[in-house]
Amino acid sequence: MHSSFMPPRQVKIGDAAAFVGSTPRAIRHYHEIGLLPEPERGGDGRRRYGYEDMIRLLWIRRMADAGIALDDIRDAFTEGTASAGADSGEDGEGIAGVLERLEETLAAQEAELRRQRTVVRRMRAEGSRMGLLSDFVTERLKNLPEGSLRQADLDSLLVTERIFGPLGAALQAARFVALATHPALREESDRIDDAEEALDDSVAVDDPRVARVAVERHAFESALQAVIEEYGLDEDDDALCDAWDALHPATADDSGGGEDAADLGSGRREASSMSALEAIGKMPYDFSPARLRCMELAEELSAREALKSDR
């Protein structure tokens, strides 16, 4: 420093902000919340900041950059620990608690960033829509021929994952693996879907078409299940359940009976705290009474067939 240079005894708010890397607006906010005492004004009515003000501003800037909330910084200065260190004396307990909470928050943010990066990488590798499903689901679908999955397939998996969690959607994925690799089966699926959609509000529930489509749906589902078993996709289901159990050991909350035990435990609760039944009740399906009756009849046929096979 040149010997003739004389540092100013006080500086204006703009110079103070520039020195500490802040803004005049931020410094004014510090005054408003009691973080920085407002200095006396000069003859021109403007604030003037001295050495101690600048030291405090520098500490505020460093603490704010570390992620500490302004209210916590203010409390730290009130307790006299901001510049003396978090571990100095009994007064240091306050800021130590703040730092502990901050570290926990940052750890959670880091975990969330890692999760988001994993999703982005999966989206880039698997395609944007499919990549938004959990890796438990996309892992099962990634070897399918390009273009063999439809948007409606992904839509269904998305809904299932929201209700039953990643494991439920991964189990359902066997259906779409079979459809994607068996064109004739996909064609029959489309035909049945069209027949069900034709059961709109103009069709009475006792219309003969309702029962006929129910029989066709039951026959198709039986054929689909046969393909799943023939190609060992049901064995993959067992492996998936084992892998899920290894990653998510059962807790005391998961060991009880009732409906909660049937909605795949932590697989569903990971997505939402609501039960599967509650979630299903909040998801709208534009099904006519005739179509709902068709679904009921198809389920009854399946139940009868299962009963016969058990005898």
C-alpha atoms as a PDB file:
ATOM      1  CA  MET A   1       0.000   0.000   0.000  1.00  0.00           C
ATOM      2  CA  HIS A   2       1.308   3.425  -0.927  1.00  0.00           C
ATOM      3  CA  SER A   3       2.396   5.349   2.165  1.00  0.00           C
ATOM      4  CA  SER A   4       0.339   8.372   1.154  1.00  0.00           C
ATOM      5  CA  PHE A   5      -2.893   6.321   0.979  1.00  0.00           C
ATOM      6  CA  MET A   6      -5.351   6.974   3.794  1.00  0.00           C
ATOM      7  CA  PRO A   7      -8.223   4.489   4.129  1.00  0.00           C
ATOM      8  CA  PRO A   8     -11.637   6.027   4.721  1.00  0.00           C
ATOM      9  CA  ARG A   9     -12.926   6.063   8.284  1.00  0.00           C
ATOM     10  CA  GLN A  10     -16.433   5.298   7.044  1.00  0.00           C
ATOM     11  CA  VAL A  11     -17.978   4.244   3.736  1.00  0.00           C
ATOM     12  CA  LYS A  12     -21.395   4.523   2.131  1.00  0.00           C
ATOM     13  CA  ILE A  13     -23.743   1.555   1.757  1.00  0.00           C
ATOM     14  CA  GLY A  14     -22.824   0.971  -1.885  1.00  0.00           C
ATOM     15  CA  ASP A  15     -19.129   0.679  -1.051  1.00  0.00           C
ATOM     16  CA  ALA A  16     -19.872  -1.555   1.940  1.00  0.00           C
ATOM     17  CA  ALA A  17     -21.988  -3.872  -0.227  1.00  0.00           C
ATOM     18  CA  ALA A  18     -19.339  -4.030  -2.948  1.00  0.00           C
ATOM     19  CA  PHE A  19     -16.596  -4.872  -0.459  1.00  0.00           C
ATOM     20  CA  VAL A  20     -18.431  -7.783   1.182  1.00  0.00           C
ATOM     21  CA  GLY A  21     -19.933  -9.065  -2.083  1.00  0.00           C
ATOM     22  CA  SER A  22     -23.514  -8.209  -1.216  1.00  0.00           C
ATOM     23  CA  THR A  23     -26.038  -5.592  -2.310  1.00  0.00           C
ATOM     24  CA  PRO A  24     -27.375  -2.416  -0.702  1.00  0.00           C
ATOM     25  CA  ARG A  25     -30.821  -3.998  -0.715  1.00  0.00           C
ATOM     26  CA  ALA A  26     -29.552  -6.971   1.266  1.00  0.00           C
ATOM     27  CA  ILE A  27     -27.868  -4.708   3.815  1.00  0.00           C
ATOM     28  CA  ARG A  28     -31.061  -2.705   4.248  1.00  0.00           C
ATOM     29  CA  HIS A  29     -32.861  -5.987   4.888  1.00  0.00           C
ATOM     30  CA  TYR A  30     -30.301  -6.845   7.555  1.00  0.00           C
ATOM     31  CA  HIS A  31     -31.194  -3.586   9.270  1.00  0.00           C
ATOM     32  CA  GLU A  32     -34.922  -4.322   9.043  1.00  0.00           C
ATOM     33  CA  ILE A  33     -34.670  -7.732  10.705  1.00  0.00           C
ATOM     34  CA  GLY A  34     -32.237  -6.622  13.397  1.00  0.00           C
ATOM     35  CA  LEU A  35     -29.295  -8.574  12.026  1.00  0.00           C
ATOM     36  CA  LEU A  36     -27.126  -5.484  11.599  1.00  0.00           C
ATOM     37  CA  PRO A  37     -27.573  -2.357  13.748  1.00  0.00           C
ATOM     38  CA  GLU A  38     -28.305   0.637  11.574  1.00  0.00           C
ATOM     39  CA  PRO A  39     -25.380   3.063  11.695  1.00  0.00           C
ATOM     40  CA  GLU A  40     -25.652   6.768  12.162  1.00  0.00           C
ATOM     41  CA  ARG A  41     -26.250   8.820   9.073  1.00  0.00           C
ATOM     42  CA  GLY A  42     -23.924  11.507   7.829  1.00  0.00           C
ATOM     43  CA  GLY A  43     -24.751  15.131   7.192  1.00  0.00           C
ATOM     44  CA  ASP A  44     -26.184  14.154   3.817  1.00  0.00           C
ATOM     45  CA  GLY A  45     -28.663  11.759   5.464  1.00  0.00           C
ATOM     46  CA  ARG A  46     -26.923   8.639   4.163  1.00  0.00           C
ATOM     47  CA  ARG A  47     -25.730   5.705   6.234  1.00  0.00           C
ATOM     48  CA  ARG A  48     -22.045   5.452   6.991  1.00  0.00           C
ATOM     49  CA  TYR A  49     -20.377   2.127   7.820  1.00  0.00           C
ATOM     50  CA  GLY A  50     -17.250   1.755   9.933  1.00  0.00           C
ATOM     51  CA  TYR A  51     -14.754  -1.021  10.562  1.00  0.00           C
ATOM     52  CA  GLU A  52     -16.892  -2.997  13.021  1.00  0.00           C
ATOM     53  CA  ASP A  53     -19.872  -2.821  10.661  1.00  0.00           C
ATOM     54  CA  MET A  54     -17.773  -4.233   7.850  1.00  0.00           C
ATOM     55  CA  ILE A  55     -16.467  -7.064  10.017  1.00  0.00           C
ATOM     56  CA  ARG A  56     -20.015  -8.008  10.934  1.00  0.00           C
ATOM     57  CA  LEU A  57     -21.118  -7.829   7.309  1.00  0.00           C
ATOM     58  CA  LEU A  58     -18.289 -10.139   6.303  1.00  0.00           C
ATOM     59  CA  TRP A  59     -19.298 -12.700   8.934  1.00  0.00           C
ATOM     60  CA  ILE A  60     -22.934 -12.441   7.852  1.00  0.00           C
ATOM     61  CA  ARG A  61     -21.913 -13.017   4.245  1.00  0.00           C
ATOM     62  CA  ARG A  62     -19.808 -16.065   5.091  1.00  0.00           C
ATOM     63  CA  MET A  63     -22.517 -17.603   7.284  1.00  0.00           C
ATOM     64  CA  ALA A  64     -25.221 -16.950   4.698  1.00  0.00           C
ATOM     65  CA  ASP A  65     -23.042 -18.551   2.011  1.00  0.00           C
ATOM     66  CA  ALA A  66     -22.786 -21.617   4.256  1.00  0.00           C
ATOM     67  CA  GLY A  67     -26.558 -21.888   4.140  1.00  0.00           C
ATOM     68  CA  ILE A  68     -27.367 -20.601   7.606  1.00  0.00           C
ATOM     69  CA  ALA A  69     -30.699 -18.795   7.766  1.00  0.00           C
ATOM     70  CA  LEU A  70     -30.626 -15.077   8.514  1.00  0.00           C
ATOM     71  CA  ASP A  71     -32.748 -15.546  11.640  1.00  0.00           C
ATOM     72  CA  ASP A  72     -30.240 -18.084  12.939  1.00  0.00           C
ATOM     73  CA  ILE A  73     -27.358 -15.752  12.126  1.00  0.00           C
ATOM     74  CA  ARG A  74     -29.090 -13.012  14.083  1.00  0.00           C
ATOM     75  CA  ASP A  75     -29.537 -15.354  17.049  1.00  0.00           C
ATOM     76  CA  ALA A  76     -25.892 -16.331  16.840  1.00  0.00           C
ATOM     77  CA  PHE A  77     -24.796 -12.701  17.041  1.00  0.00           C
ATOM     78  CA  THR A  78     -27.217 -12.129  19.902  1.00  0.00           C
ATOM     79  CA  GLU A  79     -25.619 -15.039  21.769  1.00  0.00           C
ATOM     80  CA  GLY A  80     -22.170 -13.717  20.970  1.00  0.00           C
ATOM     81  CA  THR A  81     -20.998 -16.805  19.117  1.00  0.00           C
ATOM     82  CA  ALA A  82     -20.921 -15.827  15.461  1.00  0.00           C
ATOM     83  CA  SER A  83     -17.307 -14.719  15.316  1.00  0.00           C
ATOM     84  CA  ALA A  84     -16.044 -16.536  18.379  1.00  0.00           C
ATOM     85  CA  GLY A  85     -16.899 -20.008  17.105  1.00  0.00           C
ATOM     86  CA  ALA A  86     -19.744 -22.443  17.575  1.00  0.00           C
ATOM     87  CA  ASP A  87     -18.098 -24.355  20.411  1.00  0.00           C
ATOM     88  CA  SER A  88     -17.117 -21.483  22.676  1.00  0.00           C
ATOM     89  CA  GLY A  89     -18.776 -21.793  26.061  1.00  0.00           C
ATOM     90  CA  GLU A  90     -22.415 -22.397  26.892  1.00  0.00           C
ATOM     91  CA  ASP A  91     -23.556 -19.730  24.465  1.00  0.00           C
ATOM     92  CA  GLY A  92     -22.192 -21.870  21.629  1.00  0.00           C
ATOM     93  CA  GLU A  93     -24.906 -24.486  22.083  1.00  0.00           C
ATOM     94  CA  GLY A  94     -27.384 -22.408  20.108  1.00  0.00           C
ATOM     95  CA  ILE A  95     -25.348 -22.101  16.940  1.00  0.00           C
ATOM     96  CA  ALA A  96     -24.120 -25.687  17.324  1.00  0.00           C
ATOM     97  CA  GLY A  97     -27.725 -26.839  17.148  1.00  0.00           C
ATOM     98  CA  VAL A  98     -28.293 -24.657  14.093  1.00  0.00           C
ATOM     99  CA  LEU A  99     -25.260 -26.158  12.376  1.00  0.00           C
ATOM    100  CA  GLU A 100     -26.404 -29.677  13.210  1.00  0.00           C
ATOM    101  CA  ARG A 101     -29.808 -29.019  11.661  1.00  0.00           C
ATOM    102  CA  LEU A 102     -28.179 -27.378   8.668  1.00  0.00           C
ATOM    103  CA  GLU A 103     -25.919 -30.361   8.095  1.00  0.00           C
ATOM    104  CA  GLU A 104     -28.928 -32.699   8.212  1.00  0.00           C
ATOM    105  CA  THR A 105     -30.756 -30.484   5.715  1.00  0.00           C
ATOM    106  CA  LEU A 106     -27.777 -30.398   3.361  1.00  0.00           C
ATOM    107  CA  ALA A 107     -27.412 -34.181   3.579  1.00  0.00           C
ATOM    108  CA  ALA A 108     -31.084 -34.554   2.630  1.00  0.00           C
ATOM    109  CA  GLN A 109     -30.612 -32.111  -0.255  1.00  0.00           C
ATOM    110  CA  GLU A 110     -27.581 -34.060  -1.477  1.00  0.00           C
ATOM    111  CA  ALA A 111     -29.577 -37.290  -1.379  1.00  0.00           C
ATOM    112  CA  GLU A 112     -32.392 -35.634  -3.334  1.00  0.00           C
ATOM    113  CA  LEU A 113     -29.935 -34.288  -5.920  1.00  0.00           C
ATOM    114  CA  ARG A 114     -28.466 -37.770  -6.339  1.00  0.00           C
ATOM    115  CA  ARG A 115     -31.959 -39.142  -6.839  1.00  0.00           C
ATOM    116  CA  GLN A 116     -32.753 -36.472  -9.425  1.00  0.00           C
ATOM    117  CA  ARG A 117     -29.499 -37.121 -11.294  1.00  0.00           C
ATOM    118  CA  THR A 118     -30.297 -40.833 -11.363  1.00  0.00           C
ATOM    119  CA  VAL A 119     -33.720 -40.087 -12.843  1.00  0.00           C
ATOM    120  CA  VAL A 120     -32.239 -37.745 -15.467  1.00  0.00           C
ATOM    121  CA  ARG A 121     -29.637 -40.336 -16.479  1.00  0.00           C
ATOM    122  CA  ARG A 122     -32.374 -42.971 -16.706  1.00  0.00           C
ATOM    123  CA  MET A 123     -34.510 -40.643 -18.828  1.00  0.00           C
ATOM    124  CA  ARG A 124     -31.603 -40.082 -21.210  1.00  0.00           C
ATOM    125  CA  ALA A 125     -30.844 -43.799 -21.438  1.00  0.00           C
ATOM    126  CA  GLU A 126     -34.348 -45.251 -21.558  1.00  0.00           C
ATOM    127  CA  GLY A 127     -36.393 -42.439 -23.073  1.00  0.00           C
ATOM    128  CA  SER A 128     -37.945 -39.515 -21.297  1.00  0.00           C
ATOM    129  CA  ARG A 129     -41.327 -41.023 -20.394  1.00  0.00           C
ATOM    130  CA  MET A 130     -40.138 -44.490 -19.390  1.00  0.00           C
ATOM    131  CA  GLY A 131     -37.204 -42.983 -17.527  1.00  0.00           C
ATOM    132  CA  LEU A 132     -39.586 -41.207 -15.192  1.00  0.00           C
ATOM    133  CA  LEU A 133     -40.713 -44.552 -13.825  1.00  0.00           C
ATOM    134  CA  SER A 134     -38.638 -46.066 -11.052  1.00  0.00           C
ATOM    135  CA  ASP A 135     -35.513 -48.018 -11.928  1.00  0.00           C
ATOM    136  CA  PHE A 136     -37.216 -51.116 -10.523  1.00  0.00           C
ATOM    137  CA  VAL A 137     -39.714 -50.855 -13.398  1.00  0.00           C
ATOM    138  CA  THR A 138     -37.454 -49.626 -16.197  1.00  0.00           C
ATOM    139  CA  GLU A 139     -34.927 -52.369 -15.498  1.00  0.00           C
ATOM    140  CA  ARG A 140     -37.551 -54.899 -16.503  1.00  0.00           C
ATOM    141  CA  LEU A 141     -38.527 -53.061 -19.671  1.00  0.00           C
ATOM    142  CA  LYS A 142     -35.186 -51.882 -21.004  1.00  0.00           C
ATOM    143  CA  ASN A 143     -34.467 -54.890 -23.268  1.00  0.00           C
ATOM    144  CA  LEU A 144     -37.747 -54.694 -25.159  1.00  0.00           C
ATOM    145  CA  PRO A 145     -37.640 -53.932 -28.891  1.00  0.00           C
ATOM    146  CA  GLU A 146     -37.681 -50.241 -29.674  1.00  0.00           C
ATOM    147  CA  GLY A 147     -41.197 -48.928 -30.166  1.00  0.00           C
ATOM    148  CA  SER A 148     -42.837 -52.054 -28.762  1.00  0.00           C
ATOM    149  CA  LEU A 149     -44.144 -50.233 -25.706  1.00  0.00           C
ATOM    150  CA  ARG A 150     -47.061 -47.868 -26.151  1.00  0.00           C
ATOM    151  CA  GLN A 151     -47.879 -44.666 -24.327  1.00  0.00           C
ATOM    152  CA  ALA A 152     -50.931 -46.382 -22.833  1.00  0.00           C
ATOM    153  CA  ASP A 153     -48.625 -49.068 -21.381  1.00  0.00           C
ATOM    154  CA  LEU A 154     -46.490 -46.423 -19.685  1.00  0.00           C
ATOM    155  CA  ASP A 155     -49.606 -44.605 -18.497  1.00  0.00           C
ATOM    156  CA  SER A 156     -50.851 -47.768 -16.828  1.00  0.00           C
ATOM    157  CA  LEU A 157     -47.491 -48.416 -15.174  1.00  0.00           C
ATOM    158  CA  LEU A 158     -47.367 -44.821 -13.942  1.00  0.00           C
ATOM    159  CA  VAL A 159     -50.764 -45.154 -12.261  1.00  0.00           C
ATOM    160  CA  THR A 160     -49.880 -48.530 -10.775  1.00  0.00           C
ATOM    161  CA  GLU A 161     -46.621 -47.207  -9.387  1.00  0.00           C
ATOM    162  CA  ARG A 162     -48.444 -44.281  -7.793  1.00  0.00           C
ATOM    163  CA  ILE A 163     -50.891 -46.620  -6.066  1.00  0.00           C
ATOM    164  CA  PHE A 164     -48.869 -49.757  -5.329  1.00  0.00           C
ATOM    165  CA  GLY A 165     -45.319 -48.457  -5.520  1.00  0.00           C
ATOM    166  CA  PRO A 166     -42.386 -49.574  -7.693  1.00  0.00           C
ATOM    167  CA  LEU A 167     -42.780 -53.262  -6.874  1.00  0.00           C
ATOM    168  CA  GLY A 168     -46.432 -53.307  -7.909  1.00  0.00           C
ATOM    169  CA  ALA A 169     -45.617 -51.613 -11.207  1.00  0.00           C
ATOM    170  CA  ALA A 170     -42.650 -53.917 -11.818  1.00  0.00           C
ATOM    171  CA  LEU A 171     -44.905 -56.933 -11.347  1.00  0.00           C
ATOM    172  CA  GLN A 172     -47.480 -55.460 -13.718  1.00  0.00           C
ATOM    173  CA  ALA A 173     -44.714 -54.897 -16.264  1.00  0.00           C
ATOM    174  CA  ALA A 174     -44.757 -58.637 -17.058  1.00  0.00           C
ATOM    175  CA  ARG A 175     -48.043 -58.004 -18.840  1.00  0.00           C
ATOM    176  CA  PHE A 176     -46.530 -55.417 -21.145  1.00  0.00           C
ATOM    177  CA  VAL A 177     -43.398 -57.472 -21.733  1.00  0.00           C
ATOM    178  CA  ALA A 178     -45.633 -60.282 -23.011  1.00  0.00           C
ATOM    179  CA  LEU A 179     -47.715 -57.930 -25.165  1.00  0.00           C
ATOM    180  CA  ALA A 180     -44.625 -56.195 -26.577  1.00  0.00           C
ATOM    181  CA  THR A 181     -43.032 -59.485 -27.644  1.00  0.00           C
ATOM    182  CA  HIS A 182     -46.150 -61.258 -28.976  1.00  0.00           C
ATOM    183  CA  PRO A 183     -47.820 -59.286 -31.798  1.00  0.00           C
ATOM    184  CA  ALA A 184     -50.813 -61.632 -32.047  1.00  0.00           C
ATOM    185  CA  LEU A 185     -51.466 -61.239 -28.342  1.00  0.00           C
ATOM    186  CA  ARG A 186     -51.204 -57.460 -28.665  1.00  0.00           C
ATOM    187  CA  GLU A 187     -53.667 -57.517 -31.539  1.00  0.00           C
ATOM    188  CA  GLU A 188     -56.169 -59.515 -29.488  1.00  0.00           C
ATOM    189  CA  SER A 189     -55.655 -57.143 -26.566  1.00  0.00           C
ATOM    190  CA  ASP A 190     -56.495 -54.189 -28.805  1.00  0.00           C
ATOM    191  CA  ARG A 191     -59.629 -55.944 -30.024  1.00  0.00           C
ATOM    192  CA  ILE A 192     -60.851 -56.630 -26.477  1.00  0.00           C
ATOM    193  CA  ASP A 193     -60.040 -53.071 -25.396  1.00  0.00           C
ATOM    194  CA  ASP A 194     -62.068 -51.698 -28.283  1.00  0.00           C
ATOM    195  CA  ALA A 195     -64.971 -53.979 -27.422  1.00  0.00           C
ATOM    196  CA  GLU A 196     -64.923 -52.787 -23.811  1.00  0.00           C
ATOM    197  CA  GLU A 197     -64.763 -49.133 -24.835  1.00  0.00           C
ATOM    198  CA  ALA A 198     -67.841 -49.710 -27.010  1.00  0.00           C
ATOM    199  CA  LEU A 199     -69.772 -50.526 -23.832  1.00  0.00           C
ATOM    200  CA  ASP A 200     -70.553 -46.869 -23.273  1.00  0.00           C
ATOM    201  CA  ASP A 201     -73.465 -45.198 -21.485  1.00  0.00           C
ATOM    202  CA  SER A 202     -75.809 -46.105 -24.332  1.00  0.00           C
ATOM    203  CA  VAL A 203     -75.451 -49.824 -23.494  1.00  0.00           C
ATOM    204  CA  ALA A 204     -77.601 -51.306 -20.740  1.00  0.00           C
ATOM    205  CA  VAL A 205     -75.933 -53.413 -18.077  1.00  0.00           C
ATOM    206  CA  ASP A 206     -78.024 -56.442 -19.069  1.00  0.00           C
ATOM    207  CA  ASP A 207     -77.236 -56.095 -22.767  1.00  0.00           C
ATOM    208  CA  PRO A 208     -75.971 -59.469 -24.129  1.00  0.00           C
ATOM    209  CA  ARG A 209     -72.827 -57.738 -25.388  1.00  0.00           C
ATOM    210  CA  VAL A 210     -71.728 -57.125 -21.797  1.00  0.00           C
ATOM    211  CA  ALA A 211     -71.576 -60.819 -20.942  1.00  0.00           C
ATOM    212  CA  ARG A 212     -70.034 -61.688 -24.314  1.00  0.00           C
ATOM    213  CA  VAL A 213     -67.181 -59.197 -23.895  1.00  0.00           C
ATOM    214  CA  ALA A 214     -66.654 -60.424 -20.322  1.00  0.00           C
ATOM    215  CA  VAL A 215     -66.131 -63.955 -21.651  1.00  0.00           C
ATOM    216  CA  GLU A 216     -63.689 -62.643 -24.257  1.00  0.00           C
ATOM    217  CA  ARG A 217     -61.794 -60.665 -21.626  1.00  0.00           C
ATOM    218  CA  HIS A 218     -61.520 -63.704 -19.391  1.00  0.00           C
ATOM    219  CA  ALA A 219     -60.287 -65.852 -22.289  1.00  0.00           C
ATOM    220  CA  PHE A 220     -57.707 -63.241 -23.225  1.00  0.00           C
ATOM    221  CA  GLU A 221     -56.406 -62.867 -19.672  1.00  0.00           C
ATOM    222  CA  SER A 222     -56.057 -66.645 -19.442  1.00  0.00           C
ATOM    223  CA  ALA A 223     -54.093 -66.702 -22.699  1.00  0.00           C
ATOM    224  CA  LEU A 224     -51.908 -63.825 -21.502  1.00  0.00           C
ATOM    225  CA  GLN A 225     -51.164 -65.595 -18.233  1.00  0.00           C
ATOM    226  CA  ALA A 226     -50.241 -68.756 -20.147  1.00  0.00           C
ATOM    227  CA  VAL A 227     -47.688 -66.787 -22.181  1.00  0.00           C
ATOM    228  CA  ILE A 228     -46.289 -65.198 -19.014  1.00  0.00           C
ATOM    229  CA  GLU A 229     -45.801 -68.643 -17.492  1.00  0.00           C
ATOM    230  CA  GLU A 230     -44.457 -70.185 -20.710  1.00  0.00           C
ATOM    231  CA  TYR A 231     -41.700 -67.580 -20.991  1.00  0.00           C
ATOM    232  CA  GLY A 232     -40.849 -67.608 -17.293  1.00  0.00           C
ATOM    233  CA  LEU A 233     -41.997 -64.087 -16.588  1.00  0.00           C
ATOM    234  CA  ASP A 234     -43.721 -65.292 -13.438  1.00  0.00           C
ATOM    235  CA  GLU A 235     -40.365 -66.599 -12.231  1.00  0.00           C
ATOM    236  CA  ASP A 236     -38.983 -63.118 -12.800  1.00  0.00           C
ATOM    237  CA  ASP A 237     -41.761 -61.888 -10.528  1.00  0.00           C
ATOM    238  CA  ASP A 238     -40.454 -64.082  -7.714  1.00  0.00           C
ATOM    239  CA  ALA A 239     -36.956 -62.722  -8.242  1.00  0.00           C
ATOM    240  CA  LEU A 240     -38.285 -59.171  -8.188  1.00  0.00           C
ATOM    241  CA  CYS A 241     -40.065 -59.750  -4.885  1.00  0.00           C
ATOM    242  CA  ASP A 242     -36.906 -61.231  -3.380  1.00  0.00           C
ATOM    243  CA  ALA A 243     -34.854 -58.259  -4.609  1.00  0.00           C
ATOM    244  CA  TRP A 244     -37.407 -55.813  -3.223  1.00  0.00           C
ATOM    245  CA  ASP A 245     -37.471 -57.554   0.154  1.00  0.00           C
ATOM    246  CA  ALA A 246     -33.684 -57.401   0.294  1.00  0.00           C
ATOM    247  CA  LEU A 247     -33.714 -53.671  -0.401  1.00  0.00           C
ATOM    248  CA  HIS A 248     -36.700 -52.954   1.863  1.00  0.00           C
ATOM    249  CA  PRO A 249     -36.732 -55.270   4.899  1.00  0.00           C
ATOM    250  CA  ALA A 250     -40.158 -55.632   6.474  1.00  0.00           C
ATOM    251  CA  THR A 251     -40.839 -53.462   9.509  1.00  0.00           C
ATOM    252  CA  ALA A 252     -43.242 -53.943  12.362  1.00  0.00           C
ATOM    253  CA  ASP A 253     -45.753 -51.774  10.514  1.00  0.00           C
ATOM    254  CA  ASP A 254     -45.627 -54.112   7.503  1.00  0.00           C
ATOM    255  CA  SER A 255     -46.193 -57.310   9.459  1.00  0.00           C
ATOM    256  CA  GLY A 256     -49.874 -56.813  10.230  1.00  0.00           C
ATOM    257  CA  GLY A 257     -52.722 -58.309   8.268  1.00  0.00           C
ATOM    258  CA  GLY A 258     -55.651 -56.695   6.539  1.00  0.00           C
ATOM    259  CA  GLU A 259     -55.736 -54.623   3.387  1.00  0.00           C
ATOM    260  CA  ASP A 260     -52.475 -52.810   4.142  1.00  0.00           C
ATOM    261  CA  ALA A 261     -50.607 -56.088   3.998  1.00  0.00           C
ATOM    262  CA  ALA A 262     -52.060 -56.695   0.545  1.00  0.00           C
ATOM    263  CA  ASP A 263     -50.847 -53.453  -0.985  1.00  0.00           C
ATOM    264  CA  LEU A 264     -47.206 -54.453  -1.070  1.00  0.00           C
ATOM    265  CA  GLY A 265     -46.090 -52.850   2.173  1.00  0.00           C
ATOM    266  CA  SER A 266     -43.322 -50.329   1.799  1.00  0.00           C
ATOM    267  CA  GLY A 267     -43.617 -50.489  -1.991  1.00  0.00           C
ATOM    268  CA  ARG A 268     -46.887 -48.614  -1.802  1.00  0.00           C
ATOM    269  CA  ARG A 269     -46.078 -46.464   1.205  1.00  0.00           C
ATOM    270  CA  GLU A 270     -42.901 -45.252  -0.454  1.00  0.00           C
ATOM    271  CA  ALA A 271     -45.050 -43.394  -2.967  1.00  0.00           C
ATOM    272  CA  SER A 272     -47.700 -42.142  -0.589  1.00  0.00           C
ATOM    273  CA  SER A 273     -48.946 -42.466   2.958  1.00  0.00           C
ATOM    274  CA  MET A 274     -52.502 -43.132   1.732  1.00  0.00           C
ATOM    275  CA  SER A 275     -53.652 -46.710   1.384  1.00  0.00           C
ATOM    276  CA  ALA A 276     -54.100 -48.355  -1.981  1.00  0.00           C
ATOM    277  CA  LEU A 277     -57.862 -48.312  -1.496  1.00  0.00           C
ATOM    278  CA  GLU A 278     -57.801 -44.560  -0.815  1.00  0.00           C
ATOM    279  CA  ALA A 279     -55.578 -43.938  -3.828  1.00  0.00           C
ATOM    280  CA  ILE A 280     -57.814 -45.978  -6.127  1.00  0.00           C
ATOM    281  CA  GLY A 281     -60.803 -43.994  -4.878  1.00  0.00           C
ATOM    282  CA  LYS A 282     -59.113 -40.751  -5.904  1.00  0.00           C
ATOM    283  CA  MET A 283     -58.163 -41.876  -9.425  1.00  0.00           C
ATOM    284  CA  PRO A 284     -61.053 -41.225 -11.856  1.00  0.00           C
ATOM    285  CA  TYR A 285     -61.929 -43.803 -14.485  1.00  0.00           C
ATOM    286  CA  ASP A 286     -64.550 -42.913 -17.067  1.00  0.00           C
ATOM    287  CA  PHE A 287     -66.213 -46.321 -17.084  1.00  0.00           C
ATOM    288  CA  SER A 288     -69.880 -46.710 -17.911  1.00  0.00           C
ATOM    289  CA  PRO A 289     -72.118 -48.968 -15.774  1.00  0.00           C
ATOM    290  CA  ALA A 290     -72.091 -51.519 -18.602  1.00  0.00           C
ATOM    291  CA  ARG A 291     -68.306 -51.588 -18.707  1.00  0.00           C
ATOM    292  CA  LEU A 292     -68.069 -51.906 -14.934  1.00  0.00           C
ATOM    293  CA  ARG A 293     -70.522 -54.813 -15.076  1.00  0.00           C
ATOM    294  CA  CYS A 294     -68.399 -56.401 -17.784  1.00  0.00           C
ATOM    295  CA  MET A 295     -65.355 -56.173 -15.536  1.00  0.00           C
ATOM    296  CA  GLU A 296     -67.285 -57.740 -12.655  1.00  0.00           C
ATOM    297  CA  LEU A 297     -68.414 -60.652 -14.824  1.00  0.00           C
ATOM    298  CA  ALA A 298     -64.873 -61.251 -16.074  1.00  0.00           C
ATOM    299  CA  GLU A 299     -63.600 -61.326 -12.488  1.00  0.00           C
ATOM    300  CA  GLU A 300     -66.339 -63.775 -11.526  1.00  0.00           C
ATOM    301  CA  LEU A 301     -65.302 -66.090 -14.362  1.00  0.00           C
ATOM    302  CA  SER A 302     -61.688 -65.948 -13.200  1.00  0.00           C
ATOM    303  CA  ALA A 303     -62.694 -66.679  -9.615  1.00  0.00           C
ATOM    304  CA  ARG A 304     -64.737 -69.718 -10.699  1.00  0.00           C
ATOM    305  CA  GLU A 305     -61.859 -71.054 -12.767  1.00  0.00           C
ATOM    306  CA  ALA A 306     -59.464 -70.613  -9.868  1.00  0.00           C
ATOM    307  CA  LEU A 307     -61.868 -72.432  -7.575  1.00  0.00           C
ATOM    308  CA  LYS A 308     -62.088 -75.374  -9.984  1.00  0.00           C
ATOM    309  CA  SER A 309     -58.302 -75.640 -10.268  1.00  0.00           C
ATOM    310  CA  ASP A 310     -57.967 -75.772  -6.477  1.00  0.00           C
ATOM    311  CA  ARG A 311     -60.277 -78.762  -6.188  1.00  0.00           C
END
